[in-house]
Amino acid sequence: MRSIIYADKLFMNIHEFLRILKLVLLNKYVIIAFCGVILYLNFFGYILNYTKKKKVAAKKKVVAAVPKEEKKEEKESETSDEAAEK
């Protein structure tokens, strides 16, 4: 059976204070309340910092664009050759 410990502000020494502090901190209700507050704060912080990811459009490959430019240059050179022949 546990003895009842009273907190006397005037005549309390460090040993009695540490014993009361240990009993308070190891109380299951204090531990549950502490974990609940920490989880609540983490969830609240997550909600504040949450941002939706922007949708990224698919990028076209640069390699596919290079042959098209070459074809355009060939057509331009052919048209310039035809114009020079006339």
PDB file of N, CA and C in Angstrom:
ATOM      1  N   MET A   1       0.840  -1.174   0.000  1.00  0.00           N
ATOM      2  CA  MET A   1       0.000   0.000   0.000  1.00  0.00           C
ATOM      3  C   MET A   1       0.888   1.241   0.000  1.00  0.00           C
ATOM      4  N   ARG A   2       0.578   2.175  -0.876  1.00  0.00           N
ATOM      5  CA  ARG A   2       1.390   3.383  -0.985  1.00  0.00           C
ATOM      6  C   ARG A   2       1.044   4.364   0.126  1.00  0.00           C
ATOM      7  N   SER A   3       2.079   5.030   0.577  1.00  0.00           N
ATOM      8  CA  SER A   3       1.824   6.074   1.557  1.00  0.00           C
ATOM      9  C   SER A   3       1.475   7.358   0.818  1.00  0.00           C
ATOM     10  N   ILE A   4       0.633   8.142   1.397  1.00  0.00           N
ATOM     11  CA  ILE A   4       0.210   9.396   0.776  1.00  0.00           C
ATOM     12  C   ILE A   4       1.293  10.444   0.986  1.00  0.00           C
ATOM     13  N   ILE A   5       1.651  11.112  -0.093  1.00  0.00           N
ATOM     14  CA  ILE A   5       2.695  12.131  -0.017  1.00  0.00           C
ATOM     15  C   ILE A   5       2.033  13.491  -0.165  1.00  0.00           C
ATOM     16  N   TYR A   6       2.307  14.359   0.789  1.00  0.00           N
ATOM     17  CA  TYR A   6       1.759  15.713   0.741  1.00  0.00           C
ATOM     18  C   TYR A   6       2.864  16.683   0.329  1.00  0.00           C
ATOM     19  N   ALA A   7       2.485  17.661  -0.486  1.00  0.00           N
ATOM     20  CA  ALA A   7       3.452  18.668  -0.923  1.00  0.00           C
ATOM     21  C   ALA A   7       3.361  19.859   0.018  1.00  0.00           C
ATOM     22  N   ASP A   8       4.376  20.035   0.831  1.00  0.00           N
ATOM     23  CA  ASP A   8       4.435  21.165   1.746  1.00  0.00           C
ATOM     24  C   ASP A   8       5.446  22.149   1.194  1.00  0.00           C
ATOM     25  N   LYS A   9       5.003  23.333   0.800  1.00  0.00           N
ATOM     26  CA  LYS A   9       5.872  24.297   0.145  1.00  0.00           C
ATOM     27  C   LYS A   9       6.970  24.817   1.067  1.00  0.00           C
ATOM     28  N   LEU A  10       6.690  24.937   2.335  1.00  0.00           N
ATOM     29  CA  LEU A  10       7.666  25.540   3.240  1.00  0.00           C
ATOM     30  C   LEU A  10       8.780  24.586   3.636  1.00  0.00           C
ATOM     31  N   PHE A  11       8.458  23.315   3.857  1.00  0.00           N
ATOM     32  CA  PHE A  11       9.445  22.392   4.410  1.00  0.00           C
ATOM     33  C   PHE A  11       9.769  21.241   3.457  1.00  0.00           C
ATOM     34  N   MET A  12       9.642  21.454   2.168  1.00  0.00           N
ATOM     35  CA  MET A  12       9.926  20.375   1.221  1.00  0.00           C
ATOM     36  C   MET A  12      11.397  20.445   0.808  1.00  0.00           C
ATOM     37  N   ASN A  13      12.071  19.321   0.911  1.00  0.00           N
ATOM     38  CA  ASN A  13      13.447  19.277   0.418  1.00  0.00           C
ATOM     39  C   ASN A  13      13.465  18.668  -0.979  1.00  0.00           C
ATOM     40  N   ILE A  14      14.633  18.600  -1.592  1.00  0.00           N
ATOM     41  CA  ILE A  14      14.765  18.163  -2.981  1.00  0.00           C
ATOM     42  C   ILE A  14      14.354  16.700  -3.155  1.00  0.00           C
ATOM     43  N   HIS A  15      14.594  15.855  -2.171  1.00  0.00           N
ATOM     44  CA  HIS A  15      14.243  14.436  -2.284  1.00  0.00           C
ATOM     45  C   HIS A  15      12.731  14.241  -2.337  1.00  0.00           C
ATOM     46  N   GLU A  16      12.017  14.952  -1.533  1.00  0.00           N
ATOM     47  CA  GLU A  16      10.559  14.853  -1.558  1.00  0.00           C
ATOM     48  C   GLU A  16       9.993  15.408  -2.862  1.00  0.00           C
ATOM     49  N   PHE A  17      10.596  16.494  -3.340  1.00  0.00           N
ATOM     50  CA  PHE A  17      10.150  17.090  -4.605  1.00  0.00           C
ATOM     51  C   PHE A  17      10.361  16.125  -5.770  1.00  0.00           C
ATOM     52  N   LEU A  18      11.513  15.494  -5.832  1.00  0.00           N
ATOM     53  CA  LEU A  18      11.799  14.550  -6.916  1.00  0.00           C
ATOM     54  C   LEU A  18      10.898  13.316  -6.843  1.00  0.00           C
ATOM     55  N   ARG A  19      10.565  12.880  -5.638  1.00  0.00           N
ATOM     56  CA  ARG A  19       9.686  11.727  -5.489  1.00  0.00           C
ATOM     57  C   ARG A  19       8.269  12.060  -5.988  1.00  0.00           C
ATOM     58  N   ILE A  20       7.782  13.242  -5.663  1.00  0.00           N
ATOM     59  CA  ILE A  20       6.455  13.664  -6.143  1.00  0.00           C
ATOM     60  C   ILE A  20       6.473  13.862  -7.649  1.00  0.00           C
ATOM     61  N   LEU A  21       7.538  14.456  -8.157  1.00  0.00           N
ATOM     62  CA  LEU A  21       7.667  14.668  -9.602  1.00  0.00           C
ATOM     63  C   LEU A  21       7.673  13.337 -10.355  1.00  0.00           C
ATOM     64  N   LYS A  22       8.368  12.340  -9.803  1.00  0.00           N
ATOM     65  CA  LYS A  22       8.412  11.012 -10.422  1.00  0.00           C
ATOM     66  C   LYS A  22       7.023  10.383 -10.451  1.00  0.00           C
ATOM     67  N   LEU A  23       6.284  10.504  -9.351  1.00  0.00           N
ATOM     68  CA  LEU A  23       4.937   9.934  -9.306  1.00  0.00           C
ATOM     69  C   LEU A  23       4.007  10.616 -10.310  1.00  0.00           C
ATOM     70  N   VAL A  24       4.162  11.911 -10.482  1.00  0.00           N
ATOM     71  CA  VAL A  24       3.307  12.642 -11.430  1.00  0.00           C
ATOM     72  C   VAL A  24       3.648  12.254 -12.857  1.00  0.00           C
ATOM     73  N   LEU A  25       4.939  12.243 -13.186  1.00  0.00           N
ATOM     74  CA  LEU A  25       5.344  11.972 -14.566  1.00  0.00           C
ATOM     75  C   LEU A  25       5.101  10.521 -14.986  1.00  0.00           C
ATOM     76  N   LEU A  26       5.089   9.599 -14.050  1.00  0.00           N
ATOM     77  CA  LEU A  26       4.848   8.197 -14.387  1.00  0.00           C
ATOM     78  C   LEU A  26       3.379   7.805 -14.281  1.00  0.00           C
ATOM     79  N   ASN A  27       2.525   8.749 -13.989  1.00  0.00           N
ATOM     80  CA  ASN A  27       1.092   8.491 -13.938  1.00  0.00           C
ATOM     81  C   ASN A  27       0.585   8.213 -15.355  1.00  0.00           C
ATOM     82  N   LYS A  28      -0.220   7.186 -15.521  1.00  0.00           N
ATOM     83  CA  LYS A  28      -0.654   6.799 -16.867  1.00  0.00           C
ATOM     84  C   LYS A  28      -1.525   7.861 -17.527  1.00  0.00           C
ATOM     85  N   TYR A  29      -2.297   8.605 -16.764  1.00  0.00           N
ATOM     86  CA  TYR A  29      -3.148   9.648 -17.338  1.00  0.00           C
ATOM     87  C   TYR A  29      -2.315  10.823 -17.860  1.00  0.00           C
ATOM     88  N   VAL A  30      -1.234  11.126 -17.192  1.00  0.00           N
ATOM     89  CA  VAL A  30      -0.339  12.193 -17.646  1.00  0.00           C
ATOM     90  C   VAL A  30       0.356  11.772 -18.939  1.00  0.00           C
ATOM     91  N   ILE A  31       0.774  10.527 -19.006  1.00  0.00           N
ATOM     92  CA  ILE A  31       1.450  10.023 -20.216  1.00  0.00           C
ATOM     93  C   ILE A  31       0.481  10.001 -21.390  1.00  0.00           C
ATOM     94  N   ILE A  32      -0.742   9.545 -21.175  1.00  0.00           N
ATOM     95  CA  ILE A  32      -1.747   9.504 -22.247  1.00  0.00           C
ATOM     96  C   ILE A  32      -2.087  10.912 -22.717  1.00  0.00           C
ATOM     97  N   ALA A  33      -2.241  11.845 -21.783  1.00  0.00           N
ATOM     98  CA  ALA A  33      -2.552  13.230 -22.152  1.00  0.00           C
ATOM     99  C   ALA A  33      -1.403  13.847 -22.929  1.00  0.00           C
ATOM    100  N   PHE A  34      -0.170  13.571 -22.530  1.00  0.00           N
ATOM    101  CA  PHE A  34       1.002  14.109 -23.228  1.00  0.00           C
ATOM    102  C   PHE A  34       1.071  13.574 -24.660  1.00  0.00           C
ATOM    103  N   CYS A  35       0.868  12.274 -24.826  1.00  0.00           N
ATOM    104  CA  CYS A  35       0.886  11.683 -26.180  1.00  0.00           C
ATOM    105  C   CYS A  35      -0.250  12.247 -27.031  1.00  0.00           C
ATOM    106  N   GLY A  36      -1.408  12.439 -26.437  1.00  0.00           N
ATOM    107  CA  GLY A  36      -2.540  13.012 -27.183  1.00  0.00           C
ATOM    108  C   GLY A  36      -2.255  14.431 -27.648  1.00  0.00           C
ATOM    109  N   VAL A  37      -1.655  15.234 -26.800  1.00  0.00           N
ATOM    110  CA  VAL A  37      -1.323  16.613 -27.178  1.00  0.00           C
ATOM    111  C   VAL A  37      -0.283  16.627 -28.290  1.00  0.00           C
ATOM    112  N   ILE A  38       0.724  15.777 -28.198  1.00  0.00           N
ATOM    113  CA  ILE A  38       1.762  15.713 -29.240  1.00  0.00           C
ATOM    114  C   ILE A  38       1.152  15.282 -30.576  1.00  0.00           C
ATOM    115  N   LEU A  39       0.297  14.261 -30.565  1.00  0.00           N
ATOM    116  CA  LEU A  39      -0.339  13.819 -31.813  1.00  0.00           C
ATOM    117  C   LEU A  39      -1.232  14.901 -32.397  1.00  0.00           C
ATOM    118  N   TYR A  40      -1.952  15.617 -31.544  1.00  0.00           N
ATOM    119  CA  TYR A  40      -2.815  16.698 -32.008  1.00  0.00           C
ATOM    120  C   TYR A  40      -1.990  17.811 -32.647  1.00  0.00           C
ATOM    121  N   LEU A  41      -0.890  18.188 -32.028  1.00  0.00           N
ATOM    122  CA  LEU A  41      -0.044  19.252 -32.577  1.00  0.00           C
ATOM    123  C   LEU A  41       0.603  18.834 -33.900  1.00  0.00           C
ATOM    124  N   ASN A  42       1.034  17.581 -33.995  1.00  0.00           N
ATOM    125  CA  ASN A  42       1.603  17.096 -35.257  1.00  0.00           C
ATOM    126  C   ASN A  42       0.562  17.090 -36.369  1.00  0.00           C
ATOM    127  N   PHE A  43      -0.644  16.659 -36.068  1.00  0.00           N
ATOM    128  CA  PHE A  43      -1.712  16.643 -37.065  1.00  0.00           C
ATOM    129  C   PHE A  43      -2.081  18.063 -37.490  1.00  0.00           C
ATOM    130  N   PHE A  44      -2.167  18.958 -36.540  1.00  0.00           N
ATOM    131  CA  PHE A  44      -2.491  20.355 -36.834  1.00  0.00           C
ATOM    132  C   PHE A  44      -1.391  20.986 -37.696  1.00  0.00           C
ATOM    133  N   GLY A  45      -0.133  20.707 -37.395  1.00  0.00           N
ATOM    134  CA  GLY A  45       0.980  21.206 -38.210  1.00  0.00           C
ATOM    135  C   GLY A  45       0.956  20.631 -39.612  1.00  0.00           C
ATOM    136  N   TYR A  46       0.582  19.372 -39.747  1.00  0.00           N
ATOM    137  CA  TYR A  46       0.482  18.747 -41.061  1.00  0.00           C
ATOM    138  C   TYR A  46      -0.594  19.433 -41.902  1.00  0.00           C
ATOM    139  N   ILE A  47      -1.719  19.731 -41.285  1.00  0.00           N
ATOM    140  CA  ILE A  47      -2.803  20.399 -42.006  1.00  0.00           C
ATOM    141  C   ILE A  47      -2.378  21.797 -42.447  1.00  0.00           C
ATOM    142  N   LEU A  48      -1.662  22.508 -41.596  1.00  0.00           N
ATOM    143  CA  LEU A  48      -1.228  23.863 -41.954  1.00  0.00           C
ATOM    144  C   LEU A  48      -0.227  23.864 -43.096  1.00  0.00           C
ATOM    145  N   ASN A  49       0.654  22.866 -43.137  1.00  0.00           N
ATOM    146  CA  ASN A  49       1.714  22.835 -44.150  1.00  0.00           C
ATOM    147  C   ASN A  49       1.340  22.038 -45.392  1.00  0.00           C
ATOM    148  N   TYR A  50       0.136  21.488 -45.459  1.00  0.00           N
ATOM    149  CA  TYR A  50      -0.255  20.642 -46.587  1.00  0.00           C
ATOM    150  C   TYR A  50      -0.504  21.497 -47.826  1.00  0.00           C
ATOM    151  N   THR A  51       0.104  21.121 -48.934  1.00  0.00           N
ATOM    152  CA  THR A  51      -0.158  21.762 -50.225  1.00  0.00           C
ATOM    153  C   THR A  51      -0.345  20.660 -51.256  1.00  0.00           C
ATOM    154  N   LYS A  52      -1.287  20.880 -52.153  1.00  0.00           N
ATOM    155  CA  LYS A  52      -1.510  19.889 -53.197  1.00  0.00           C
ATOM    156  C   LYS A  52      -0.386  19.979 -54.220  1.00  0.00           C
ATOM    157  N   LYS A  53      -0.012  18.846 -54.754  1.00  0.00           N
ATOM    158  CA  LYS A  53       1.025  18.821 -55.775  1.00  0.00           C
ATOM    159  C   LYS A  53       0.427  19.288 -57.092  1.00  0.00           C
ATOM    160  N   LYS A  54       1.181  20.110 -57.796  1.00  0.00           N
ATOM    161  CA  LYS A  54       0.714  20.606 -59.088  1.00  0.00           C
ATOM    162  C   LYS A  54       0.837  19.500 -60.122  1.00  0.00           C
ATOM    163  N   LYS A  55      -0.131  19.466 -61.028  1.00  0.00           N
ATOM    164  CA  LYS A  55      -0.082  18.477 -62.094  1.00  0.00           C
ATOM    165  C   LYS A  55       0.959  18.918 -63.111  1.00  0.00           C
ATOM    166  N   VAL A  56       1.857  18.023 -63.440  1.00  0.00           N
ATOM    167  CA  VAL A  56       2.924  18.324 -64.380  1.00  0.00           C
ATOM    168  C   VAL A  56       2.557  17.722 -65.724  1.00  0.00           C
ATOM    169  N   ALA A  57       2.548  18.569 -66.757  1.00  0.00           N
ATOM    170  CA  ALA A  57       2.244  18.085 -68.096  1.00  0.00           C
ATOM    171  C   ALA A  57       3.421  17.255 -68.609  1.00  0.00           C
ATOM    172  N   ALA A  58       3.107  16.281 -69.414  1.00  0.00           N
ATOM    173  CA  ALA A  58       4.159  15.435 -69.970  1.00  0.00           C
ATOM    174  C   ALA A  58       5.022  16.256 -70.916  1.00  0.00           C
ATOM    175  N   LYS A  59       6.309  16.183 -70.727  1.00  0.00           N
ATOM    176  CA  LYS A  59       7.230  16.939 -71.570  1.00  0.00           C
ATOM    177  C   LYS A  59       7.483  16.174 -72.862  1.00  0.00           C
ATOM    178  N   LYS A  60       7.561  16.926 -73.953  1.00  0.00           N
ATOM    179  CA  LYS A  60       7.871  16.298 -75.225  1.00  0.00           C
ATOM    180  C   LYS A  60       9.372  16.086 -75.313  1.00  0.00           C
ATOM    181  N   LYS A  61       9.749  15.037 -75.995  1.00  0.00           N
ATOM    182  CA  LYS A  61      11.165  14.730 -76.122  1.00  0.00           C
ATOM    183  C   LYS A  61      11.804  15.669 -77.137  1.00  0.00           C
ATOM    184  N   VAL A  62      12.968  16.160 -76.809  1.00  0.00           N
ATOM    185  CA  VAL A  62      13.695  17.063 -77.689  1.00  0.00           C
ATOM    186  C   VAL A  62      14.263  16.292 -78.869  1.00  0.00           C
ATOM    187  N   VAL A  63      14.571  15.032 -78.693  1.00  0.00           N
ATOM    188  CA  VAL A  63      15.153  14.208 -79.748  1.00  0.00           C
ATOM    189  C   VAL A  63      14.191  14.106 -80.929  1.00  0.00           C
ATOM    190  N   ALA A  64      12.904  14.015 -80.697  1.00  0.00           N
ATOM    191  CA  ALA A  64      11.927  13.893 -81.769  1.00  0.00           C
ATOM    192  C   ALA A  64      11.806  15.200 -82.544  1.00  0.00           C
ATOM    193  N   ALA A  65      12.110  16.325 -81.933  1.00  0.00           N
ATOM    194  CA  ALA A  65      11.980  17.614 -82.591  1.00  0.00           C
ATOM    195  C   ALA A  65      13.148  17.884 -83.546  1.00  0.00           C
ATOM    196  N   VAL A  66      14.285  17.291 -83.326  1.00  0.00           N
ATOM    197  CA  VAL A  66      15.468  17.555 -84.148  1.00  0.00           C
ATOM    198  C   VAL A  66      15.280  17.084 -85.591  1.00  0.00           C
ATOM    199  N   PRO A  67      14.797  15.886 -85.884  1.00  0.00           N
ATOM    200  CA  PRO A  67      14.615  15.479 -87.284  1.00  0.00           C
ATOM    201  C   PRO A  67      13.604  16.361 -88.034  1.00  0.00           C
ATOM    202  N   LYS A  68      12.607  16.857 -87.354  1.00  0.00           N
ATOM    203  CA  LYS A  68      11.637  17.724 -88.014  1.00  0.00           C
ATOM    204  C   LYS A  68      12.298  19.007 -88.484  1.00  0.00           C
ATOM    205  N   GLU A  69      13.206  19.555 -87.697  1.00  0.00           N
ATOM    206  CA  GLU A  69      13.911  20.766 -88.100  1.00  0.00           C
ATOM    207  C   GLU A  69      14.782  20.504 -89.324  1.00  0.00           C
ATOM    208  N   GLU A  70      15.405  19.326 -89.363  1.00  0.00           N
ATOM    209  CA  GLU A  70      16.237  18.982 -90.517  1.00  0.00           C
ATOM    210  C   GLU A  70      15.385  18.882 -91.776  1.00  0.00           C
ATOM    211  N   LYS A  71      14.193  18.318 -91.657  1.00  0.00           N
ATOM    212  CA  LYS A  71      13.308  18.213 -92.814  1.00  0.00           C
ATOM    213  C   LYS A  71      12.890  19.589 -93.287  1.00  0.00           C
ATOM    214  N   LYS A  72      12.626  20.500 -92.360  1.00  0.00           N
ATOM    215  CA  LYS A  72      12.240  21.858 -92.744  1.00  0.00           C
ATOM    216  C   LYS A  72      13.393  22.548 -93.472  1.00  0.00           C
ATOM    217  N   GLU A  73      14.611  22.343 -92.994  1.00  0.00           N
ATOM    218  CA  GLU A  73      15.775  22.951 -93.646  1.00  0.00           C
ATOM    219  C   GLU A  73      15.954  22.389 -95.057  1.00  0.00           C
ATOM    220  N   GLU A  74      15.726  21.075 -95.219  1.00  0.00           N
ATOM    221  CA  GLU A  74      15.843  20.474 -96.544  1.00  0.00           C
ATOM    222  C   GLU A  74      14.798  21.051 -97.496  1.00  0.00           C
ATOM    223  N   LYS A  75      13.572  21.241 -97.012  1.00  0.00           N
ATOM    224  CA  LYS A  75      12.521  21.807 -97.849  1.00  0.00           C
ATOM    225  C   LYS A  75      12.852  23.241 -98.222  1.00  0.00           C
ATOM    226  N   GLU A  76      13.381  24.007 -97.273  1.00  0.00           N
ATOM    227  CA  GLU A  76      13.738  25.402 -97.551  1.00  0.00           C
ATOM    228  C   GLU A  76      14.855  25.466 -98.574  1.00  0.00           C
ATOM    229  N   SER A  77      15.832  24.560 -98.444  1.00  0.00           N
ATOM    230  CA  SER A  77      16.935  24.571 -99.408  1.00  0.00           C
ATOM    231  C   SER A  77      16.435  24.146-100.797  1.00  0.00           C
ATOM    232  N   GLU A  78      15.487  23.212-100.861  1.00  0.00           N
ATOM    233  CA  GLU A  78      14.921  22.802-102.148  1.00  0.00           C
ATOM    234  C   GLU A  78      14.144  23.960-102.776  1.00  0.00           C
ATOM    235  N   THR A  79      13.376  24.657-101.995  1.00  0.00           N
ATOM    236  CA  THR A  79      12.613  25.774-102.549  1.00  0.00           C
ATOM    237  C   THR A  79      13.533  26.898-102.985  1.00  0.00           C
ATOM    238  N   SER A  80      14.617  27.104-102.252  1.00  0.00           N
ATOM    239  CA  SER A  80      15.548  28.151-102.662  1.00  0.00           C
ATOM    240  C   SER A  80      16.297  27.736-103.941  1.00  0.00           C
ATOM    241  N   ASP A  81      16.591  26.433-104.083  1.00  0.00           N
ATOM    242  CA  ASP A  81      17.240  25.928-105.290  1.00  0.00           C
ATOM    243  C   ASP A  81      16.309  26.092-106.500  1.00  0.00           C
ATOM    244  N   GLU A  82      15.046  25.777-106.305  1.00  0.00           N
ATOM    245  CA  GLU A  82      14.079  25.917-107.384  1.00  0.00           C
ATOM    246  C   GLU A  82      13.940  27.379-107.779  1.00  0.00           C
ATOM    247  N   ALA A  83      13.945  28.257-106.808  1.00  0.00           N
ATOM    248  CA  ALA A  83      13.825  29.685-107.100  1.00  0.00           C
ATOM    249  C   ALA A  83      15.072  30.181-107.835  1.00  0.00           C
ATOM    250  N   ALA A  84      16.227  29.631-107.508  1.00  0.00           N
ATOM    251  CA  ALA A  84      17.464  30.046-108.162  1.00  0.00           C
ATOM    252  C   ALA A  84      17.510  29.537-109.611  1.00  0.00           C
ATOM    253  N   GLU A  85      16.913  28.367-109.881  1.00  0.00           N
ATOM    254  CA  GLU A  85      16.891  27.804-111.220  1.00  0.00           C
ATOM    255  C   GLU A  85      16.027  28.628-112.145  1.00  0.00           C
ATOM    256  N   LYS A  86      14.974  29.223-111.607  1.00  0.00           N
ATOM    257  CA  LYS A  86      14.053  29.991-112.442  1.00  0.00           C
ATOM    258  C   LYS A  86      14.645  31.266-112.796  1.00  0.00           C
TER     259      LYS A  86
END
